[in-house]
Amino acid sequence: MRIDQVLRSATATLSGAGVASPAVDAELLLAHASGRELGDLRRARILGEELPEETRTAYLELVERRRRRVPLQHLTGSAHFGGVDLHVGPGVFVPRPETEVLVGLALRALDGREGPTVVDLCTGSGAIALAVARARPDARVGAVELSEEAHAYASRNVEAAGSGVELRLGRAQDAFGDWLGQVDVVTSNPPYIPPDAVPIDVEVREHDPSLALYGGGEDGLTVPVEVAARAAELLRPGGVLLMEHADVQGEALPALLAAQGAWREVEDHRDLAGLPRVTRAVRA
């Protein structure tokens, strides 16, 4: 069977299952199954190339798993974020494109700072820390993750990137005690979903680890507020905290940070979809 025929069939299958980007997913899965770059695969499709039967069999197995809404990144074992290719899979939160807004704000906060120190709290796969380290190789970057499973992915990603990120295992709320008052920027994408706000997307609800999703308390902001308190201890005066939150928390989180008394210039930033996404606060 020709590549274009196989892709059309797979796209129809994924579309019928409610996958958000069926054509893109079908193509990426075929590139993964065949071990080919996308450009090479597209040229072969235009030329009417036949797909080897063994590749087609492996591909259809992947398509079936994606039809059941296993995340694309779990099937390929990778996710691209902030210019970095990350190893991901079951047990670690898959980084989202909207989080790149936080990375952009962090890099802006580092402008004019020579040899800065950055700490990423609740690092998951290490996505934010590695994206910052890639853009600012002169920075000392630390990261911490509580989950042993997620920490294993982050460790693999740090090693693959060769970035020198100092990765630690433990609670964000008491991490980097030896860096207190030395940090220029703290980034964090903590768990923040309220307990009654079960995610709509099957991929998130059934496959992202609950430890990375639910923030505790009725509003989901217990962990974020605790993490922000630790950030205040880590940051030097004038240092910047950047914390992601749910789109419905664009007023609540800034208000809670303002009430801590450690911050000035507390403000919220929207993502590329125009939704509230990242709170920025400056250490008083």
C-alpha atoms as a PDB file:
ATOM      1  CA  MET A   1       0.000   0.000   0.000  1.00  0.00           C
ATOM      2  CA  ARG A   2       1.275   3.480  -0.853  1.00  0.00           C
ATOM      3  CA  ILE A   3       2.295   5.910   1.882  1.00  0.00           C
ATOM      4  CA  ASP A   4      -0.405   8.420   0.956  1.00  0.00           C
ATOM      5  CA  GLN A   5      -3.107   5.747   1.194  1.00  0.00           C
ATOM      6  CA  VAL A   6      -1.892   4.615   4.589  1.00  0.00           C
ATOM      7  CA  LEU A   7      -1.773   8.174   5.882  1.00  0.00           C
ATOM      8  CA  ARG A   8      -5.258   9.012   4.615  1.00  0.00           C
ATOM      9  CA  SER A   9      -6.678   5.956   6.346  1.00  0.00           C
ATOM     10  CA  ALA A  10      -4.862   6.692   9.600  1.00  0.00           C
ATOM     11  CA  THR A  11      -5.962  10.336   9.542  1.00  0.00           C
ATOM     12  CA  ALA A  12      -9.586   9.278   9.143  1.00  0.00           C
ATOM     13  CA  THR A  13      -9.247   6.829  12.038  1.00  0.00           C
ATOM     14  CA  LEU A  14      -7.771   9.430  14.374  1.00  0.00           C
ATOM     15  CA  SER A  15     -10.265  12.083  13.308  1.00  0.00           C
ATOM     16  CA  GLY A  16     -13.124   9.743  14.152  1.00  0.00           C
ATOM     17  CA  ALA A  17     -11.631   9.217  17.620  1.00  0.00           C
ATOM     18  CA  GLY A  18     -11.625  12.953  18.364  1.00  0.00           C
ATOM     19  CA  VAL A  19      -7.873  13.466  18.162  1.00  0.00           C
ATOM     20  CA  ALA A  20      -7.261  17.208  17.875  1.00  0.00           C
ATOM     21  CA  SER A  21      -4.708  17.105  15.045  1.00  0.00           C
ATOM     22  CA  PRO A  22      -5.268  13.797  13.236  1.00  0.00           C
ATOM     23  CA  ALA A  23      -3.264  14.519  10.064  1.00  0.00           C
ATOM     24  CA  VAL A  24      -0.263  15.827  11.984  1.00  0.00           C
ATOM     25  CA  ASP A  25      -0.332  12.924  14.429  1.00  0.00           C
ATOM     26  CA  ALA A  26      -0.700  10.373  11.644  1.00  0.00           C
ATOM     27  CA  GLU A  27       2.339  11.772   9.853  1.00  0.00           C
ATOM     28  CA  LEU A  28       4.491  12.018  12.981  1.00  0.00           C
ATOM     29  CA  LEU A  29       3.655   8.461  13.973  1.00  0.00           C
ATOM     30  CA  LEU A  30       4.579   7.172  10.536  1.00  0.00           C
ATOM     31  CA  ALA A  31       7.889   9.038  10.611  1.00  0.00           C
ATOM     32  CA  HIS A  32       8.563   7.432  13.998  1.00  0.00           C
ATOM     33  CA  ALA A  33       7.523   3.947  12.887  1.00  0.00           C
ATOM     34  CA  SER A  34       9.634   4.110   9.743  1.00  0.00           C
ATOM     35  CA  GLY A  35      12.622   5.846  11.341  1.00  0.00           C
ATOM     36  CA  ARG A  36      12.542   8.638   8.742  1.00  0.00           C
ATOM     37  CA  GLU A  37      12.701  12.406   8.904  1.00  0.00           C
ATOM     38  CA  LEU A  38       9.456  14.201   8.050  1.00  0.00           C
ATOM     39  CA  GLY A  39      10.947  15.783   4.940  1.00  0.00           C
ATOM     40  CA  ASP A  40      12.080  12.431   3.615  1.00  0.00           C
ATOM     41  CA  LEU A  41       8.697  10.889   4.361  1.00  0.00           C
ATOM     42  CA  ARG A  42       6.867  13.687   2.551  1.00  0.00           C
ATOM     43  CA  ARG A  43       9.050  13.305  -0.535  1.00  0.00           C
ATOM     44  CA  ALA A  44       8.391   9.568  -0.545  1.00  0.00           C
ATOM     45  CA  ARG A  45       4.667  10.243  -0.274  1.00  0.00           C
ATOM     46  CA  ILE A  46       4.740  12.600  -3.278  1.00  0.00           C
ATOM     47  CA  LEU A  47       6.651   9.989  -5.285  1.00  0.00           C
ATOM     48  CA  GLY A  48       4.011   7.351  -4.515  1.00  0.00           C
ATOM     49  CA  GLU A  49       6.371   5.101  -2.566  1.00  0.00           C
ATOM     50  CA  GLU A  50       5.020   1.849  -1.176  1.00  0.00           C
ATOM     51  CA  LEU A  51       5.201   1.270   2.576  1.00  0.00           C
ATOM     52  CA  PRO A  52       6.921  -1.997   3.615  1.00  0.00           C
ATOM     53  CA  GLU A  53       4.484  -4.410   5.204  1.00  0.00           C
ATOM     54  CA  GLU A  54       6.438  -4.719   8.456  1.00  0.00           C
ATOM     55  CA  THR A  55       6.490  -0.936   8.827  1.00  0.00           C
ATOM     56  CA  ARG A  56       2.777  -0.738   8.076  1.00  0.00           C
ATOM     57  CA  THR A  57       2.042  -3.337  10.770  1.00  0.00           C
ATOM     58  CA  ALA A  58       4.062  -1.449  13.387  1.00  0.00           C
ATOM     59  CA  TYR A  59       2.465   1.812  12.297  1.00  0.00           C
ATOM     60  CA  LEU A  60      -1.090   0.546  12.564  1.00  0.00           C
ATOM     61  CA  GLU A  61      -0.384  -0.596  16.117  1.00  0.00           C
ATOM     62  CA  LEU A  62       0.707   2.949  16.990  1.00  0.00           C
ATOM     63  CA  VAL A  63      -2.349   4.430  15.284  1.00  0.00           C
ATOM     64  CA  GLU A  64      -4.616   2.134  17.270  1.00  0.00           C
ATOM     65  CA  ARG A  65      -3.017   3.229  20.539  1.00  0.00           C
ATOM     66  CA  ARG A  66      -3.364   6.871  19.519  1.00  0.00           C
ATOM     67  CA  ARG A  67      -7.003   6.203  18.618  1.00  0.00           C
ATOM     68  CA  ARG A  68      -7.426   5.121  22.249  1.00  0.00           C
ATOM     69  CA  ARG A  69      -5.971   8.551  23.147  1.00  0.00           C
ATOM     70  CA  VAL A  70      -2.573   7.481  24.390  1.00  0.00           C
ATOM     71  CA  PRO A  71      -0.586  10.736  24.101  1.00  0.00           C
ATOM     72  CA  LEU A  72       1.386  11.142  20.897  1.00  0.00           C
ATOM     73  CA  GLN A  73       4.498  11.954  22.932  1.00  0.00           C
ATOM     74  CA  HIS A  74       4.206   8.678  24.854  1.00  0.00           C
ATOM     75  CA  LEU A  75       4.126   6.784  21.572  1.00  0.00           C
ATOM     76  CA  THR A  76       7.131   8.547  20.087  1.00  0.00           C
ATOM     77  CA  GLY A  77       8.921   8.891  23.434  1.00  0.00           C
ATOM     78  CA  SER A  78       9.768  12.518  22.792  1.00  0.00           C
ATOM     79  CA  ALA A  79       8.478  16.084  22.985  1.00  0.00           C
ATOM     80  CA  HIS A  80       9.951  19.283  21.582  1.00  0.00           C
ATOM     81  CA  PHE A  81       9.957  22.305  23.870  1.00  0.00           C
ATOM     82  CA  GLY A  82      11.890  25.559  23.780  1.00  0.00           C
ATOM     83  CA  GLY A  83      14.359  24.290  21.229  1.00  0.00           C
ATOM     84  CA  VAL A  84      15.080  21.115  23.212  1.00  0.00           C
ATOM     85  CA  ASP A  85      14.082  17.539  22.359  1.00  0.00           C
ATOM     86  CA  LEU A  86      12.931  15.830  25.557  1.00  0.00           C
ATOM     87  CA  HIS A  87      12.490  12.204  26.524  1.00  0.00           C
ATOM     88  CA  VAL A  88       8.982  11.778  27.947  1.00  0.00           C
ATOM     89  CA  GLY A  89       6.571   8.955  28.684  1.00  0.00           C
ATOM     90  CA  PRO A  90       4.298   7.503  31.371  1.00  0.00           C
ATOM     91  CA  GLY A  91       5.006   9.046  34.764  1.00  0.00           C
ATOM     92  CA  VAL A  92       6.036  12.521  33.637  1.00  0.00           C
ATOM     93  CA  PHE A  93       4.026  15.585  32.633  1.00  0.00           C
ATOM     94  CA  VAL A  94       4.219  16.285  28.899  1.00  0.00           C
ATOM     95  CA  PRO A  95       5.278  19.939  28.399  1.00  0.00           C
ATOM     96  CA  ARG A  96       2.732  22.169  26.662  1.00  0.00           C
ATOM     97  CA  PRO A  97       3.400  24.878  24.055  1.00  0.00           C
ATOM     98  CA  GLU A  98       1.746  27.543  26.233  1.00  0.00           C
ATOM     99  CA  THR A  99       4.501  27.108  28.822  1.00  0.00           C
ATOM    100  CA  GLU A 100       6.982  28.571  26.336  1.00  0.00           C
ATOM    101  CA  VAL A 101       5.471  31.957  27.263  1.00  0.00           C
ATOM    102  CA  LEU A 102       6.960  31.469  30.725  1.00  0.00           C
ATOM    103  CA  VAL A 103      10.367  30.678  29.214  1.00  0.00           C
ATOM    104  CA  GLY A 104      10.225  33.842  27.124  1.00  0.00           C
ATOM    105  CA  LEU A 105       9.425  35.930  30.198  1.00  0.00           C
ATOM    106  CA  ALA A 106      12.283  34.277  32.104  1.00  0.00           C
ATOM    107  CA  LEU A 107      14.777  35.094  29.359  1.00  0.00           C
ATOM    108  CA  ARG A 108      13.539  38.670  29.302  1.00  0.00           C
ATOM    109  CA  ALA A 109      14.053  38.885  33.066  1.00  0.00           C
ATOM    110  CA  LEU A 110      17.635  37.681  32.592  1.00  0.00           C
ATOM    111  CA  ASP A 111      18.493  40.412  30.089  1.00  0.00           C
ATOM    112  CA  GLY A 112      21.435  42.442  31.358  1.00  0.00           C
ATOM    113  CA  ARG A 113      22.335  39.931  34.079  1.00  0.00           C
ATOM    114  CA  GLU A 114      25.783  38.387  33.640  1.00  0.00           C
ATOM    115  CA  GLY A 115      26.227  34.780  34.762  1.00  0.00           C
ATOM    116  CA  PRO A 116      22.767  34.656  36.366  1.00  0.00           C
ATOM    117  CA  THR A 117      21.403  31.958  38.631  1.00  0.00           C
ATOM    118  CA  VAL A 118      18.055  30.353  37.792  1.00  0.00           C
ATOM    119  CA  VAL A 119      16.073  27.718  39.681  1.00  0.00           C
ATOM    120  CA  ASP A 120      13.144  25.758  38.241  1.00  0.00           C
ATOM    121  CA  LEU A 121      10.836  24.373  40.928  1.00  0.00           C
ATOM    122  CA  CYS A 122       8.617  21.356  40.069  1.00  0.00           C
ATOM    123  CA  THR A 123      10.692  20.733  36.955  1.00  0.00           C
ATOM    124  CA  GLY A 124       9.001  17.550  35.683  1.00  0.00           C
ATOM    125  CA  SER A 125      10.884  16.503  32.557  1.00  0.00           C
ATOM    126  CA  GLY A 126      13.283  19.412  33.008  1.00  0.00           C
ATOM    127  CA  ALA A 127      11.711  21.277  30.100  1.00  0.00           C
ATOM    128  CA  ILE A 128      11.851  24.839  31.454  1.00  0.00           C
ATOM    129  CA  ALA A 129      15.293  24.486  33.027  1.00  0.00           C
ATOM    130  CA  LEU A 130      16.779  23.016  29.857  1.00  0.00           C
ATOM    131  CA  ALA A 131      15.160  25.620  27.599  1.00  0.00           C
ATOM    132  CA  VAL A 132      16.609  28.410  29.760  1.00  0.00           C
ATOM    133  CA  ALA A 133      20.027  26.728  29.892  1.00  0.00           C
ATOM    134  CA  ARG A 134      20.030  26.352  26.118  1.00  0.00           C
ATOM    135  CA  ALA A 135      19.292  30.039  25.586  1.00  0.00           C
ATOM    136  CA  ARG A 136      21.635  31.217  28.362  1.00  0.00           C
ATOM    137  CA  PRO A 137      24.621  28.875  28.539  1.00  0.00           C
ATOM    138  CA  ASP A 138      26.319  31.344  30.899  1.00  0.00           C
ATOM    139  CA  ALA A 139      23.654  30.773  33.560  1.00  0.00           C
ATOM    140  CA  ARG A 140      23.888  28.528  36.595  1.00  0.00           C
ATOM    141  CA  VAL A 141      20.627  26.584  36.406  1.00  0.00           C
ATOM    142  CA  GLY A 142      19.176  24.360  39.098  1.00  0.00           C
ATOM    143  CA  ALA A 143      16.035  22.225  38.990  1.00  0.00           C
ATOM    144  CA  VAL A 144      14.144  20.064  41.454  1.00  0.00           C
ATOM    145  CA  GLU A 145      11.466  17.384  41.060  1.00  0.00           C
ATOM    146  CA  LEU A 146       9.566  15.431  43.714  1.00  0.00           C
ATOM    147  CA  SER A 147       8.475  12.409  41.667  1.00  0.00           C
ATOM    148  CA  GLU A 148      11.128   9.716  41.258  1.00  0.00           C
ATOM    149  CA  GLU A 149       9.636   8.723  37.901  1.00  0.00           C
ATOM    150  CA  ALA A 150       9.666  12.273  36.543  1.00  0.00           C
ATOM    151  CA  HIS A 151      13.124  12.876  38.015  1.00  0.00           C
ATOM    152  CA  ALA A 152      14.420   9.890  36.035  1.00  0.00           C
ATOM    153  CA  TYR A 153      13.189  11.473  32.790  1.00  0.00           C
ATOM    154  CA  ALA A 154      14.671  14.833  33.779  1.00  0.00           C
ATOM    155  CA  SER A 155      18.001  13.192  34.586  1.00  0.00           C
ATOM    156  CA  ARG A 156      18.067  11.548  31.186  1.00  0.00           C
ATOM    157  CA  ASN A 157      17.207  14.842  29.499  1.00  0.00           C
ATOM    158  CA  VAL A 158      19.867  16.784  31.387  1.00  0.00           C
ATOM    159  CA  GLU A 159      22.465  14.194  30.433  1.00  0.00           C
ATOM    160  CA  ALA A 160      21.384  14.196  26.777  1.00  0.00           C
ATOM    161  CA  ALA A 161      21.493  17.989  26.590  1.00  0.00           C
ATOM    162  CA  GLY A 162      24.896  18.219  28.240  1.00  0.00           C
ATOM    163  CA  SER A 163      23.702  21.492  29.727  1.00  0.00           C
ATOM    164  CA  GLY A 164      25.156  21.306  33.219  1.00  0.00           C
ATOM    165  CA  VAL A 165      21.772  21.831  34.859  1.00  0.00           C
ATOM    166  CA  GLU A 166      22.044  20.849  38.537  1.00  0.00           C
ATOM    167  CA  LEU A 167      19.115  18.491  39.046  1.00  0.00           C
ATOM    168  CA  ARG A 168      17.909  17.461  42.490  1.00  0.00           C
ATOM    169  CA  LEU A 169      15.257  15.083  43.805  1.00  0.00           C
ATOM    170  CA  GLY A 170      12.941  16.390  46.499  1.00  0.00           C
ATOM    171  CA  ARG A 171      10.272  18.872  47.509  1.00  0.00           C
ATOM    172  CA  ALA A 172      10.227  22.244  45.827  1.00  0.00           C
ATOM    173  CA  GLN A 173       9.070  23.820  49.088  1.00  0.00           C
ATOM    174  CA  ASP A 174      12.459  23.282  50.758  1.00  0.00           C
ATOM    175  CA  ALA A 175      14.814  22.847  47.804  1.00  0.00           C
ATOM    176  CA  PHE A 176      18.214  24.459  47.228  1.00  0.00           C
ATOM    177  CA  GLY A 177      18.827  25.486  50.816  1.00  0.00           C
ATOM    178  CA  ASP A 178      22.425  26.214  49.867  1.00  0.00           C
ATOM    179  CA  TRP A 179      21.300  28.781  47.250  1.00  0.00           C
ATOM    180  CA  LEU A 180      19.131  30.964  49.502  1.00  0.00           C
ATOM    181  CA  GLY A 181      19.213  34.633  48.539  1.00  0.00           C
ATOM    182  CA  GLN A 182      21.438  33.953  45.520  1.00  0.00           C
ATOM    183  CA  VAL A 183      18.918  33.369  42.718  1.00  0.00           C
ATOM    184  CA  ASP A 184      18.035  35.870  39.999  1.00  0.00           C
ATOM    185  CA  VAL A 185      15.007  34.111  38.497  1.00  0.00           C
ATOM    186  CA  VAL A 186      12.763  31.327  39.801  1.00  0.00           C
ATOM    187  CA  THR A 187      10.512  29.570  37.308  1.00  0.00           C
ATOM    188  CA  SER A 188       7.789  27.095  38.142  1.00  0.00           C
ATOM    189  CA  ASN A 189       4.981  25.209  36.474  1.00  0.00           C
ATOM    190  CA  PRO A 190       3.589  23.625  39.648  1.00  0.00           C
ATOM    191  CA  PRO A 191       0.502  21.441  39.997  1.00  0.00           C
ATOM    192  CA  TYR A 192      -2.442  23.845  40.156  1.00  0.00           C
ATOM    193  CA  ILE A 193      -5.660  22.118  39.061  1.00  0.00           C
ATOM    194  CA  PRO A 194      -8.470  22.254  41.687  1.00  0.00           C
ATOM    195  CA  PRO A 195      -9.628  18.839  42.930  1.00  0.00           C
ATOM    196  CA  ASP A 196     -13.047  19.108  41.271  1.00  0.00           C
ATOM    197  CA  ALA A 197     -11.735  20.378  37.899  1.00  0.00           C
ATOM    198  CA  VAL A 198     -11.023  17.069  36.200  1.00  0.00           C
ATOM    199  CA  PRO A 199      -9.273  17.755  32.857  1.00  0.00           C
ATOM    200  CA  ILE A 200     -11.441  17.388  29.764  1.00  0.00           C
ATOM    201  CA  ASP A 201      -8.687  16.018  27.522  1.00  0.00           C
ATOM    202  CA  VAL A 202      -8.396  12.246  27.804  1.00  0.00           C
ATOM    203  CA  GLU A 203      -4.637  12.463  27.262  1.00  0.00           C
ATOM    204  CA  VAL A 204      -4.263  14.674  30.337  1.00  0.00           C
ATOM    205  CA  ARG A 205      -6.906  13.043  32.523  1.00  0.00           C
ATOM    206  CA  GLU A 206      -5.752   9.461  32.026  1.00  0.00           C
ATOM    207  CA  HIS A 207      -2.044   9.774  31.306  1.00  0.00           C
ATOM    208  CA  ASP A 208      -0.468  12.801  33.010  1.00  0.00           C
ATOM    209  CA  PRO A 209       0.517  11.952  36.611  1.00  0.00           C
ATOM    210  CA  SER A 210      -1.891  13.356  39.205  1.00  0.00           C
ATOM    211  CA  LEU A 211       1.071  14.589  41.267  1.00  0.00           C
ATOM    212  CA  ALA A 212       1.834  17.028  38.450  1.00  0.00           C
ATOM    213  CA  LEU A 213      -1.771  18.151  38.026  1.00  0.00           C
ATOM    214  CA  TYR A 214      -3.618  18.778  41.294  1.00  0.00           C
ATOM    215  CA  GLY A 215      -2.410  21.656  43.449  1.00  0.00           C
ATOM    216  CA  GLY A 216      -4.347  20.988  46.644  1.00  0.00           C
ATOM    217  CA  GLY A 217      -6.987  23.025  48.441  1.00  0.00           C
ATOM    218  CA  GLU A 218     -10.367  24.011  47.084  1.00  0.00           C
ATOM    219  CA  ASP A 219      -8.810  26.355  44.526  1.00  0.00           C
ATOM    220  CA  GLY A 220      -5.827  24.184  43.550  1.00  0.00           C
ATOM    221  CA  LEU A 221      -3.400  26.865  44.729  1.00  0.00           C
ATOM    222  CA  THR A 222      -2.045  25.374  47.960  1.00  0.00           C
ATOM    223  CA  VAL A 223       1.114  24.005  46.337  1.00  0.00           C
ATOM    224  CA  PRO A 224       1.702  27.076  44.122  1.00  0.00           C
ATOM    225  CA  VAL A 225       1.533  29.393  47.160  1.00  0.00           C
ATOM    226  CA  GLU A 226       3.949  27.160  49.102  1.00  0.00           C
ATOM    227  CA  VAL A 227       6.318  27.072  46.130  1.00  0.00           C
ATOM    228  CA  ALA A 228       6.128  30.847  45.807  1.00  0.00           C
ATOM    229  CA  ALA A 229       7.089  31.192  49.482  1.00  0.00           C
ATOM    230  CA  ARG A 230      10.192  29.103  48.819  1.00  0.00           C
ATOM    231  CA  ALA A 231      10.953  31.205  45.742  1.00  0.00           C
ATOM    232  CA  ALA A 232      10.909  34.308  47.960  1.00  0.00           C
ATOM    233  CA  GLU A 233      13.608  32.709  50.127  1.00  0.00           C
ATOM    234  CA  LEU A 234      15.722  31.734  47.119  1.00  0.00           C
ATOM    235  CA  LEU A 235      15.584  35.053  45.273  1.00  0.00           C
ATOM    236  CA  ARG A 236      17.862  37.987  45.875  1.00  0.00           C
ATOM    237  CA  PRO A 237      16.104  41.405  46.204  1.00  0.00           C
ATOM    238  CA  GLY A 238      14.922  42.392  42.730  1.00  0.00           C
ATOM    239  CA  GLY A 239      14.867  38.767  41.613  1.00  0.00           C
ATOM    240  CA  VAL A 240      11.884  37.583  39.582  1.00  0.00           C
ATOM    241  CA  LEU A 241       9.390  34.762  40.083  1.00  0.00           C
ATOM    242  CA  LEU A 242       7.506  33.412  37.077  1.00  0.00           C
ATOM    243  CA  MET A 243       4.777  30.887  37.809  1.00  0.00           C
ATOM    244  CA  GLU A 244       2.303  29.222  35.466  1.00  0.00           C
ATOM    245  CA  HIS A 245      -1.328  28.747  36.488  1.00  0.00           C
ATOM    246  CA  ALA A 246      -4.706  27.747  35.092  1.00  0.00           C
ATOM    247  CA  ASP A 247      -6.535  30.301  32.961  1.00  0.00           C
ATOM    248  CA  VAL A 248      -9.156  30.732  35.704  1.00  0.00           C
ATOM    249  CA  GLN A 249      -6.506  31.621  38.298  1.00  0.00           C
ATOM    250  CA  GLY A 250      -5.261  34.832  36.664  1.00  0.00           C
ATOM    251  CA  GLU A 251      -6.674  36.952  39.485  1.00  0.00           C
ATOM    252  CA  ALA A 252      -6.500  34.534  42.409  1.00  0.00           C
ATOM    253  CA  LEU A 253      -2.798  33.669  42.233  1.00  0.00           C
ATOM    254  CA  PRO A 254      -1.546  37.283  41.940  1.00  0.00           C
ATOM    255  CA  ALA A 255      -3.776  38.213  44.876  1.00  0.00           C
ATOM    256  CA  LEU A 256      -2.365  35.405  47.005  1.00  0.00           C
ATOM    257  CA  LEU A 257       1.210  36.373  46.161  1.00  0.00           C
ATOM    258  CA  ALA A 258       0.532  40.012  46.944  1.00  0.00           C
ATOM    259  CA  ALA A 259      -0.763  38.907  50.341  1.00  0.00           C
ATOM    260  CA  GLN A 260       2.524  37.136  51.141  1.00  0.00           C
ATOM    261  CA  GLY A 261       4.220  40.499  51.620  1.00  0.00           C
ATOM    262  CA  ALA A 262       7.445  39.395  49.912  1.00  0.00           C
ATOM    263  CA  TRP A 263       6.607  40.706  46.458  1.00  0.00           C
ATOM    264  CA  ARG A 264       6.192  43.900  44.480  1.00  0.00           C
ATOM    265  CA  GLU A 265       5.115  44.479  40.874  1.00  0.00           C
ATOM    266  CA  VAL A 266       2.856  41.425  40.904  1.00  0.00           C
ATOM    267  CA  GLU A 267       1.260  41.134  37.480  1.00  0.00           C
ATOM    268  CA  ASP A 268      -0.221  38.507  35.222  1.00  0.00           C
ATOM    269  CA  HIS A 269       0.625  37.658  31.599  1.00  0.00           C
ATOM    270  CA  ARG A 270      -1.459  36.015  28.911  1.00  0.00           C
ATOM    271  CA  ASP A 271      -0.450  33.154  26.623  1.00  0.00           C
ATOM    272  CA  LEU A 272      -0.598  33.149  22.824  1.00  0.00           C
ATOM    273  CA  ALA A 273      -4.280  32.220  22.972  1.00  0.00           C
ATOM    274  CA  GLY A 274      -4.978  35.346  25.021  1.00  0.00           C
ATOM    275  CA  LEU A 275      -5.657  33.424  28.240  1.00  0.00           C
ATOM    276  CA  PRO A 276      -4.204  34.295  31.669  1.00  0.00           C
ATOM    277  CA  ARG A 277      -1.205  31.979  32.082  1.00  0.00           C
ATOM    278  CA  VAL A 278       1.844  33.278  34.008  1.00  0.00           C
ATOM    279  CA  THR A 279       2.148  35.386  37.145  1.00  0.00           C
ATOM    280  CA  ARG A 280       5.281  37.529  37.432  1.00  0.00           C
ATOM    281  CA  ALA A 281       6.406  38.951  40.764  1.00  0.00           C
ATOM    282  CA  VAL A 282       9.551  40.813  41.850  1.00  0.00           C
ATOM    283  CA  ARG A 283      11.207  40.038  45.194  1.00  0.00           C
ATOM    284  CA  ALA A 284      10.908  43.073  47.461  1.00  0.00           C
END
